[in-house]
Amino acid sequence: MRSIVINPQGNIPYGLSDWNRMRQDQFVYVDWTTAIAQLDADTIYSSLWGPRRTGKSLLANQLALWHDKAIPEKERMELFAGTYIGQNPSATAGKFSKKYRKAGLLDEAVAIDDESFASSLSNMASAVRLSGHKVSLIVDEADSFRNRLLLQVNREKGLGDAGYNAFVQRGVSTLRHFGRVVKSKSGNCIERMFFTGVLPVAWSTDSLNTVKNLTDDPAFHQTLGFKSSDIDELLALRFPAMDPDERAKHLAAIHRTCNGYRRSSSQVKALYNPQAVWFYLKQLESHGDRMVPHIDPNVLPPVPDEVVAFLVRHAAAAYSHGLMDEAIPYEPLHGFSTADLFDGWRQPQALLSLAHYLGYLTVQYPKDEARGDVLVAPNEEMRSVFTESVLRSLPELYQTWAFAAMAKNVPEAVAVKEAFDAYVTGIPPKCA
């Protein structure tokens, strides 16, 4: 996968996933549209999972615009001018529509069921099919509903408690119905599917078993994230007068705070988080060497990160090692169920897989010859998120211990690790 910088002197697209706006308002862009060509060539039903803030929503938005037949061909080529897909168009360009009814392409109206999204989707697909057309189904953040339910579960009450039962009862029926509708319409109506999300957690009732998970496909390892060559080019093009030593200093800082994510130990080059890079560049342009902070405060919320809070409730003490840059042995689970996260022999590795997919921990390269795959903290940003959220997720007593240790000049990561270990084992920390 190649990346090229488009409109290097343009506005910085921090927080944006709207391709129309990025092109109309002249934002800088690192071209990943080779992914559209690969998706079109590789498989018709696919999914891509990974950490937040890495560009999945932008890719889904681009794919929808590329497919939309309501956009005139000339306008589409202008929208994707200079990109790989614009220079190498795929056969799906303009093949589908976002607004079949408004475009006058439907022979009958779509019956909207206010009580059921799945029923409305079924009615829409049937109306499109009867009118002689096909659907490209693109679902961004496909797992957000399930994840909100999942992260509310508190194992301290027991696996079979009311919270977990409610989670299953609320989630299974909704997801099962949606999956059945989509699967029933595949082929004869839904020609293509693309799902994005964070966690490829399987439900025993999932019906979408025909969707190919591209997350572990080496061809897609470099799809979502910047490479070091992209950062080099961005700095050189945006700051042409910058002294080479100064540029090297900023490259090193960006490397510490934004780099380090790998999907597997076979991935030689780690990825930089795009939003973290854009934040750094905005700070650099606004404040120069006086820039503070290097780490985006939007990833350090005033309340505990819900994922880390979940891990604190359910994980073993091994998680605290990630705060200290210590390697954690890891056996990747390419598919695991929600039940695996709460109980059974697969639980430790399922929880580690959860942390890996979310980007809190990453696979070390090269592989450890003695221990195989191991996990480490990817960079300073994620270590800060993890440390702060672990601290805020601990009961008050353990927080007090950690703060007391920091007051004695114990490094924050060490204090939080000892407080977390004490929480897990019930043994007061040395720093108490």
Protein backbone atom coordinates (compact mmCIF):
# COMPACT_ATOMS: atom_id res chain seq x y z
CA MET A 1 0.00 0.00 0.00
CA ARG A 2 1.48 3.35 -1.00
CA SER A 3 0.71 6.73 0.54
CA ILE A 4 1.13 10.10 -1.13
CA VAL A 5 0.60 13.57 0.34
CA ILE A 6 -2.05 15.63 -1.48
CA ASN A 7 -2.30 19.43 -1.05
CA PRO A 8 0.53 19.52 1.52
CA GLN A 9 0.05 23.21 2.38
CA GLY A 10 -3.69 22.77 2.99
CA ASN A 11 -5.56 22.95 6.28
CA ILE A 12 -4.92 20.17 8.78
CA PRO A 13 -7.91 17.76 8.89
CA TYR A 14 -7.83 17.09 12.63
CA GLY A 15 -11.04 15.28 13.60
CA LEU A 16 -12.47 15.21 10.07
CA SER A 17 -13.91 12.19 8.27
CA ASP A 18 -15.92 14.08 5.61
CA TRP A 19 -14.16 13.65 2.27
CA ASN A 20 -16.36 16.23 0.51
CA ARG A 21 -15.40 18.92 2.99
CA MET A 22 -11.73 17.93 2.98
CA ARG A 23 -11.53 18.44 -0.78
CA GLN A 24 -13.75 21.53 -1.00
CA ASP A 25 -11.96 23.32 1.86
CA GLN A 26 -8.49 22.34 0.66
CA PHE A 27 -7.29 20.10 3.50
CA VAL A 28 -4.03 18.18 3.33
CA TYR A 29 -4.48 14.44 2.83
CA VAL A 30 -2.33 11.31 2.84
CA ASP A 31 -3.77 9.10 0.12
CA TRP A 32 -5.11 5.72 1.21
CA THR A 33 -7.55 5.24 -1.66
CA THR A 34 -5.60 2.20 -2.80
CA ALA A 35 -7.77 0.55 -0.13
CA ILE A 36 -10.89 1.24 -2.23
CA ALA A 37 -9.31 -0.50 -5.21
CA GLN A 38 -8.26 -3.43 -3.01
CA LEU A 39 -11.71 -3.75 -1.47
CA ASP A 40 -13.29 -3.79 -4.91
CA ALA A 41 -10.85 -6.39 -6.19
CA ASP A 42 -10.47 -8.56 -3.08
CA THR A 43 -13.93 -9.40 -1.81
CA ILE A 44 -17.54 -8.27 -2.03
CA TYR A 45 -18.38 -8.79 1.67
CA SER A 46 -15.64 -7.47 3.97
CA SER A 47 -14.86 -5.84 7.30
CA LEU A 48 -11.94 -3.92 8.79
CA TRP A 49 -11.40 -3.56 12.55
CA GLY A 50 -8.88 -1.60 14.56
CA PRO A 51 -8.15 1.22 17.02
CA ARG A 52 -10.22 4.38 17.13
CA ARG A 53 -9.11 7.61 15.43
CA THR A 54 -7.17 5.81 12.68
CA GLY A 55 -9.23 6.69 9.59
CA LYS A 56 -11.85 3.94 9.28
CA SER A 57 -14.74 6.44 9.14
CA LEU A 58 -13.00 8.47 6.43
CA LEU A 59 -12.45 5.31 4.36
CA ALA A 60 -16.14 4.39 4.72
CA ASN A 61 -17.14 7.92 3.68
CA GLN A 62 -14.86 7.82 0.63
CA LEU A 63 -16.22 4.42 -0.37
CA ALA A 64 -19.81 5.69 -0.22
CA LEU A 65 -18.95 8.72 -2.38
CA TRP A 66 -17.07 6.55 -4.86
CA HIS A 67 -20.08 4.23 -5.23
CA ASP A 68 -22.74 6.96 -5.41
CA LYS A 69 -24.34 7.19 -8.85
CA ALA A 70 -26.02 10.47 -7.87
CA ILE A 71 -22.62 12.15 -8.23
CA PRO A 72 -21.90 13.03 -11.89
CA GLU A 73 -18.82 11.33 -13.31
CA LYS A 74 -16.95 14.60 -13.83
CA GLU A 75 -17.66 15.69 -10.26
CA ARG A 76 -16.51 12.32 -8.88
CA MET A 77 -13.23 12.55 -10.79
CA GLU A 78 -12.71 16.07 -9.41
CA LEU A 79 -13.51 14.83 -5.89
CA PHE A 80 -10.85 12.12 -6.18
CA ALA A 81 -8.38 14.07 -8.34
CA GLY A 82 -4.78 13.20 -7.53
CA THR A 83 -5.68 10.07 -5.57
CA TYR A 84 -4.81 6.52 -6.51
CA ILE A 85 -8.44 5.52 -7.13
CA GLY A 86 -9.03 8.66 -9.20
CA GLN A 87 -6.12 7.73 -11.45
CA ASN A 88 -7.02 4.01 -11.45
CA PRO A 89 -10.85 3.88 -11.37
CA SER A 90 -12.52 0.65 -10.30
CA ALA A 91 -15.68 -0.79 -11.83
CA THR A 92 -17.83 0.14 -8.80
CA ALA A 93 -17.60 3.90 -9.48
CA GLY A 94 -21.14 5.30 -9.60
CA LYS A 95 -22.74 1.87 -9.45
CA PHE A 96 -24.98 2.46 -6.44
CA SER A 97 -27.04 5.32 -5.01
CA LYS A 98 -27.42 6.88 -1.57
CA LYS A 99 -30.82 8.31 -2.52
CA TYR A 100 -32.64 5.90 -4.82
CA ARG A 101 -36.05 7.38 -4.08
CA LYS A 102 -35.08 11.05 -4.51
CA ALA A 103 -33.27 10.15 -7.71
CA GLY A 104 -36.49 8.63 -9.07
CA LEU A 105 -34.96 5.17 -9.31
CA LEU A 106 -37.56 3.27 -7.26
CA ASP A 107 -40.82 1.89 -8.60
CA GLU A 108 -42.36 1.87 -5.12
CA ALA A 109 -41.88 3.76 -1.85
CA VAL A 110 -39.87 2.29 1.00
CA ALA A 111 -41.95 1.42 4.06
CA ILE A 112 -40.15 2.85 7.10
CA ASP A 113 -40.70 1.00 10.39
CA ASP A 114 -40.05 3.48 13.21
CA GLU A 115 -39.69 0.62 15.69
CA SER A 116 -37.17 -1.49 13.77
CA PHE A 117 -34.13 -0.42 11.78
CA ALA A 118 -33.68 -3.98 10.52
CA SER A 119 -37.23 -4.08 9.15
CA SER A 120 -36.73 -0.73 7.43
CA LEU A 121 -33.49 -2.04 5.91
CA SER A 122 -35.32 -5.13 4.65
CA ASN A 123 -38.06 -3.01 3.09
CA MET A 124 -35.51 -0.71 1.44
CA ALA A 125 -33.56 -3.62 -0.02
CA SER A 126 -36.72 -5.21 -1.42
CA ALA A 127 -37.83 -1.94 -3.03
CA VAL A 128 -34.40 -1.47 -4.64
CA ARG A 129 -34.36 -5.05 -5.94
CA LEU A 130 -37.85 -4.80 -7.43
CA SER A 131 -36.74 -1.67 -9.25
CA GLY A 132 -33.82 -3.53 -10.85
CA HIS A 133 -31.01 -2.03 -8.76
CA LYS A 134 -28.46 -3.27 -6.22
CA VAL A 135 -27.28 -2.05 -2.80
CA SER A 136 -23.79 -1.40 -1.43
CA LEU A 137 -24.18 -1.65 2.35
CA ILE A 138 -21.55 0.36 4.25
CA VAL A 139 -21.81 0.28 8.05
CA ASP A 140 -19.32 2.44 9.93
CA GLU A 141 -18.76 1.68 13.64
CA ALA A 142 -20.81 -1.48 13.20
CA ASP A 143 -19.94 -2.68 16.70
CA SER A 144 -20.71 0.51 18.65
CA PHE A 145 -24.08 -0.73 19.92
CA ARG A 146 -22.64 -4.03 21.09
CA ASN A 147 -19.58 -2.38 22.63
CA ARG A 148 -21.68 0.03 24.71
CA LEU A 149 -23.56 -2.93 26.16
CA LEU A 150 -20.42 -5.02 26.58
CA LEU A 151 -18.46 -2.38 28.47
CA GLN A 152 -21.26 -1.91 31.00
CA VAL A 153 -20.96 -5.48 32.27
CA ASN A 154 -19.42 -5.78 35.73
CA ARG A 155 -18.00 -9.22 36.46
CA GLU A 156 -17.65 -8.40 40.13
CA LYS A 157 -21.33 -9.35 40.38
CA GLY A 158 -20.70 -12.73 38.77
CA LEU A 159 -20.91 -14.06 35.22
CA GLY A 160 -24.59 -14.96 35.47
CA ASP A 161 -25.71 -11.72 37.12
CA ALA A 162 -28.57 -9.53 35.95
CA GLY A 163 -26.20 -7.16 34.16
CA TYR A 164 -24.77 -9.85 31.92
CA ASN A 165 -28.18 -11.40 31.28
CA ALA A 166 -29.58 -8.03 30.32
CA PHE A 167 -26.61 -7.52 28.01
CA VAL A 168 -27.32 -10.79 26.21
CA GLN A 169 -31.09 -10.30 26.08
CA ARG A 170 -30.85 -6.75 24.75
CA GLY A 171 -28.06 -7.39 22.31
CA VAL A 172 -28.64 -10.82 20.84
CA SER A 173 -32.14 -10.29 19.50
CA THR A 174 -31.25 -6.99 17.84
CA LEU A 175 -28.01 -8.17 16.25
CA ARG A 176 -29.46 -11.53 15.26
CA HIS A 177 -32.36 -9.88 13.45
CA PHE A 178 -30.08 -7.39 11.69
CA GLY A 179 -27.67 -10.14 10.61
CA ARG A 180 -30.46 -12.33 9.28
CA VAL A 181 -31.95 -9.48 7.26
CA VAL A 182 -28.59 -8.58 5.73
CA LYS A 183 -27.73 -12.20 4.94
CA SER A 184 -31.16 -12.86 3.39
CA LYS A 185 -30.71 -9.90 1.06
CA SER A 186 -27.12 -10.67 0.07
CA GLY A 187 -26.63 -11.71 -3.50
CA ASN A 188 -30.07 -10.93 -4.88
CA CYS A 189 -30.09 -7.35 -3.61
CA ILE A 190 -27.11 -6.39 -1.44
CA GLU A 191 -24.22 -6.73 -3.87
CA ARG A 192 -21.46 -5.40 -1.63
CA MET A 193 -20.95 -4.98 2.13
CA PHE A 194 -18.28 -3.18 4.10
CA PHE A 195 -18.23 -2.96 7.90
CA THR A 196 -15.82 -1.02 10.11
CA GLY A 197 -15.44 -1.17 13.85
CA VAL A 198 -13.08 -1.64 16.74
CA LEU A 199 -13.68 -5.18 18.01
CA PRO A 200 -14.21 -8.27 15.85
CA VAL A 201 -15.94 -10.03 18.74
CA ALA A 202 -18.14 -12.88 17.57
CA TRP A 203 -21.57 -13.65 18.94
CA SER A 204 -22.71 -17.25 18.85
CA THR A 205 -25.83 -15.91 17.15
CA ASP A 206 -24.10 -13.82 14.48
CA SER A 207 -25.53 -14.43 11.03
CA LEU A 208 -22.91 -12.53 9.06
CA ASN A 209 -20.48 -15.42 8.73
CA THR A 210 -19.92 -14.71 5.02
CA VAL A 211 -18.17 -11.38 5.71
CA LYS A 212 -14.39 -11.59 5.30
CA ASN A 213 -12.35 -10.02 8.10
CA LEU A 214 -9.46 -8.17 6.42
CA THR A 215 -7.86 -7.01 9.68
CA ASP A 216 -5.17 -9.67 9.71
CA ASP A 217 -4.60 -9.63 5.95
CA PRO A 218 -1.02 -8.35 5.40
CA ALA A 219 -2.23 -6.43 2.33
CA PHE A 220 -4.26 -4.19 4.65
CA HIS A 221 -1.71 -3.76 7.45
CA GLN A 222 -0.64 -0.36 6.12
CA THR A 223 -4.16 0.85 5.26
CA LEU A 224 -5.11 2.78 8.39
CA GLY A 225 -2.25 4.86 9.72
CA PHE A 226 0.76 6.87 8.59
CA LYS A 227 4.14 5.36 7.80
CA SER A 228 7.42 7.02 8.78
CA SER A 229 7.96 8.05 5.14
CA ASP A 230 4.60 9.89 5.22
CA ILE A 231 5.70 11.88 8.29
CA ASP A 232 9.02 12.71 6.64
CA GLU A 233 7.23 13.99 3.57
CA LEU A 234 4.64 15.95 5.56
CA LEU A 235 7.29 17.79 7.58
CA ALA A 236 9.48 18.46 4.54
CA LEU A 237 6.59 19.84 2.46
CA ARG A 238 4.86 21.86 5.17
CA PHE A 239 8.04 23.27 6.74
CA PRO A 240 10.51 23.61 3.84
CA ALA A 241 12.60 26.20 5.70
CA MET A 242 12.97 24.06 8.82
CA ASP A 243 16.54 23.22 9.77
CA PRO A 244 17.34 19.48 9.28
CA ASP A 245 18.28 19.09 12.95
CA GLU A 246 15.01 20.75 13.97
CA ARG A 247 13.03 18.45 11.70
CA ALA A 248 14.84 15.42 13.13
CA LYS A 249 13.89 16.59 16.63
CA HIS A 250 10.20 16.77 15.70
CA LEU A 251 10.34 13.44 13.90
CA ALA A 252 11.69 11.88 17.10
CA ALA A 253 8.93 13.52 19.17
CA ILE A 254 6.20 12.35 16.78
CA HIS A 255 7.73 8.88 16.87
CA ARG A 256 7.56 8.79 20.69
CA THR A 257 3.97 10.04 20.95
CA CYS A 258 2.21 8.71 17.85
CA ASN A 259 4.02 5.65 16.49
CA GLY A 260 4.10 1.98 17.32
CA TYR A 261 0.91 0.17 16.29
CA ARG A 262 1.24 -3.24 14.65
CA ARG A 263 -1.45 -5.77 13.84
CA SER A 264 1.00 -8.69 14.00
CA SER A 265 4.68 -9.48 14.51
CA SER A 266 5.02 -9.99 10.76
CA GLN A 267 4.31 -6.29 10.22
CA VAL A 268 7.78 -4.75 10.00
CA LYS A 269 6.78 -1.08 9.89
CA ALA A 270 4.63 0.24 12.73
CA LEU A 271 1.88 2.78 12.05
CA TYR A 272 1.48 6.32 13.34
CA ASN A 273 -1.97 7.31 14.62
CA PRO A 274 -3.23 9.89 12.06
CA GLN A 275 -5.23 12.06 14.48
CA ALA A 276 -2.32 12.17 16.93
CA VAL A 277 -0.03 13.31 14.09
CA TRP A 278 -2.48 15.98 12.93
CA PHE A 279 -2.77 17.26 16.51
CA TYR A 280 1.02 17.48 16.82
CA LEU A 281 1.33 19.39 13.53
CA LYS A 282 -1.44 21.83 14.52
CA GLN A 283 0.37 22.50 17.79
CA LEU A 284 3.67 22.92 15.98
CA GLU A 285 2.20 25.44 13.51
CA SER A 286 0.42 27.39 16.24
CA HIS A 287 3.11 27.48 18.92
CA GLY A 288 6.41 26.36 17.40
CA ASP A 289 8.91 25.16 20.01
CA ARG A 290 6.62 26.47 22.75
CA MET A 291 4.03 23.82 21.89
CA VAL A 292 2.39 22.23 24.91
CA PRO A 293 1.23 19.52 25.18
CA HIS A 294 2.58 16.97 22.71
CA ILE A 295 -0.24 14.58 23.63
CA ASP A 296 -3.78 15.33 22.52
CA PRO A 297 -5.87 16.18 25.63
CA ASN A 298 -8.95 14.79 23.85
CA VAL A 299 -7.62 11.28 24.47
CA LEU A 300 -7.25 12.00 28.20
CA PRO A 301 -10.89 12.40 29.27
CA PRO A 302 -11.88 13.74 32.72
CA VAL A 303 -13.54 10.39 33.44
CA PRO A 304 -11.96 6.94 33.08
CA ASP A 305 -11.81 5.55 29.56
CA GLU A 306 -14.67 3.03 29.50
CA VAL A 307 -12.52 0.35 27.88
CA VAL A 308 -9.74 0.66 30.45
CA ALA A 309 -12.33 0.69 33.23
CA PHE A 310 -13.66 -2.57 31.82
CA LEU A 311 -10.16 -4.06 31.74
CA VAL A 312 -9.50 -2.98 35.32
CA ARG A 313 -12.70 -4.73 36.42
CA HIS A 314 -12.00 -7.94 34.53
CA ALA A 315 -8.28 -8.27 33.82
CA ALA A 316 -5.46 -10.03 35.58
CA ALA A 317 -2.48 -8.09 36.93
CA ALA A 318 -0.59 -8.64 33.67
CA TYR A 319 -2.07 -5.42 32.27
CA SER A 320 -0.04 -3.28 34.62
CA HIS A 321 3.15 -4.49 32.92
CA GLY A 322 2.15 -2.69 29.73
CA LEU A 323 2.47 0.60 31.62
CA MET A 324 6.11 -0.18 32.33
CA ASP A 325 7.14 -1.15 28.79
CA GLU A 326 7.42 -4.75 29.94
CA ALA A 327 6.51 -7.36 27.34
CA ILE A 328 3.38 -9.46 27.88
CA PRO A 329 3.24 -12.95 26.25
CA TYR A 330 0.40 -13.03 23.74
CA GLU A 331 -1.41 -15.69 21.72
CA PRO A 332 -3.53 -13.70 19.25
CA LEU A 333 -7.18 -14.67 19.07
CA HIS A 334 -8.44 -13.85 15.58
CA GLY A 335 -11.96 -14.55 16.71
CA PHE A 336 -13.41 -14.71 20.21
CA SER A 337 -16.85 -14.51 21.73
CA THR A 338 -18.25 -12.16 24.34
CA ALA A 339 -18.34 -15.05 26.81
CA ASP A 340 -14.56 -15.48 26.40
CA LEU A 341 -14.08 -12.00 27.87
CA PHE A 342 -15.73 -12.98 31.14
CA ASP A 343 -14.85 -16.57 31.92
CA GLY A 344 -13.09 -19.73 30.79
CA TRP A 345 -9.56 -20.65 29.79
CA ARG A 346 -9.58 -18.20 26.85
CA GLN A 347 -10.34 -15.18 29.04
CA PRO A 348 -6.76 -13.89 29.62
CA GLN A 349 -5.91 -13.93 25.93
CA ALA A 350 -9.35 -12.58 24.96
CA LEU A 351 -8.80 -9.60 27.25
CA LEU A 352 -5.33 -9.06 25.81
CA SER A 353 -6.82 -9.26 22.31
CA LEU A 354 -9.35 -6.63 23.39
CA ALA A 355 -6.54 -4.30 24.49
CA HIS A 356 -4.61 -5.01 21.28
CA TYR A 357 -7.48 -4.34 18.87
CA LEU A 358 -8.24 -1.12 20.70
CA GLY A 359 -4.64 0.03 20.39
CA TYR A 360 -3.75 0.21 24.09
CA LEU A 361 -1.15 -2.51 23.55
CA THR A 362 0.60 -3.54 20.35
CA VAL A 363 2.59 -6.50 19.02
CA GLN A 364 6.35 -6.11 19.40
CA TYR A 365 8.65 -6.46 16.41
CA PRO A 366 10.66 -8.54 15.88
CA LYS A 367 9.04 -11.56 17.47
CA ASP A 368 10.65 -12.73 20.69
CA GLU A 369 12.41 -15.99 19.73
CA ALA A 370 11.96 -17.47 23.19
CA ARG A 371 8.39 -16.35 23.97
CA GLY A 372 6.81 -15.75 20.57
CA ASP A 373 4.42 -12.81 20.21
CA VAL A 374 4.49 -10.29 23.04
CA LEU A 375 2.55 -7.08 23.68
CA VAL A 376 3.95 -3.71 24.74
CA ALA A 377 2.62 -0.17 25.05
CA PRO A 378 2.80 1.39 21.54
CA ASN A 379 3.77 4.97 22.46
CA GLU A 380 3.65 7.72 25.07
CA GLU A 381 0.13 8.79 24.15
CA MET A 382 -1.39 5.37 24.73
CA ARG A 383 0.68 4.84 27.86
CA SER A 384 -0.66 8.13 29.24
CA VAL A 385 -4.25 7.21 28.36
CA PHE A 386 -3.83 3.80 29.93
CA THR A 387 -2.12 5.08 33.08
CA GLU A 388 -4.59 7.93 33.70
CA SER A 389 -7.63 5.76 33.04
CA VAL A 390 -6.38 2.90 35.22
CA LEU A 391 -5.83 5.36 38.06
CA ARG A 392 -9.31 6.86 37.71
CA SER A 393 -10.89 3.42 37.48
CA LEU A 394 -9.46 2.22 40.79
CA PRO A 395 -11.43 2.46 44.04
CA GLU A 396 -10.65 5.56 46.12
CA LEU A 397 -8.32 3.74 48.54
CA TYR A 398 -5.98 2.62 45.74
CA GLN A 399 -6.08 6.06 44.10
CA THR A 400 -5.03 7.57 47.43
CA TRP A 401 -2.08 5.18 47.64
CA ALA A 402 -0.98 6.08 44.13
CA PHE A 403 -1.24 9.84 44.72
CA ALA A 404 0.68 9.50 47.99
CA ALA A 405 3.46 7.66 46.18
CA MET A 406 3.62 10.31 43.45
CA ALA A 407 3.92 12.95 46.16
CA LYS A 408 7.09 11.13 47.24
CA ASN A 409 8.46 11.44 43.68
CA VAL A 410 7.59 7.88 42.68
CA PRO A 411 7.03 7.93 38.86
CA GLU A 412 3.35 7.96 37.98
CA ALA A 413 3.48 4.71 36.00
CA VAL A 414 5.21 2.90 38.89
CA ALA A 415 2.73 4.23 41.45
CA VAL A 416 -0.28 3.27 39.33
CA LYS A 417 1.16 -0.17 38.60
CA GLU A 418 1.67 -0.92 42.30
CA ALA A 419 -1.78 0.39 43.20
CA PHE A 420 -3.35 -1.73 40.43
CA ASP A 421 -1.43 -4.83 41.53
CA ALA A 422 -2.66 -4.20 45.07
CA TYR A 423 -6.23 -3.90 43.81
CA VAL A 424 -5.94 -7.23 41.96
CA THR A 425 -4.11 -9.15 44.72
CA GLY A 426 -5.48 -7.46 47.81
CA ILE A 427 -1.94 -6.89 49.11
CA PRO A 428 -1.09 -3.27 50.03
CA PRO A 429 1.44 -1.72 47.64
CA LYS A 430 5.03 -1.03 48.65
CA CYS A 431 4.43 2.65 48.03
CA ALA A 432 1.72 2.80 50.73
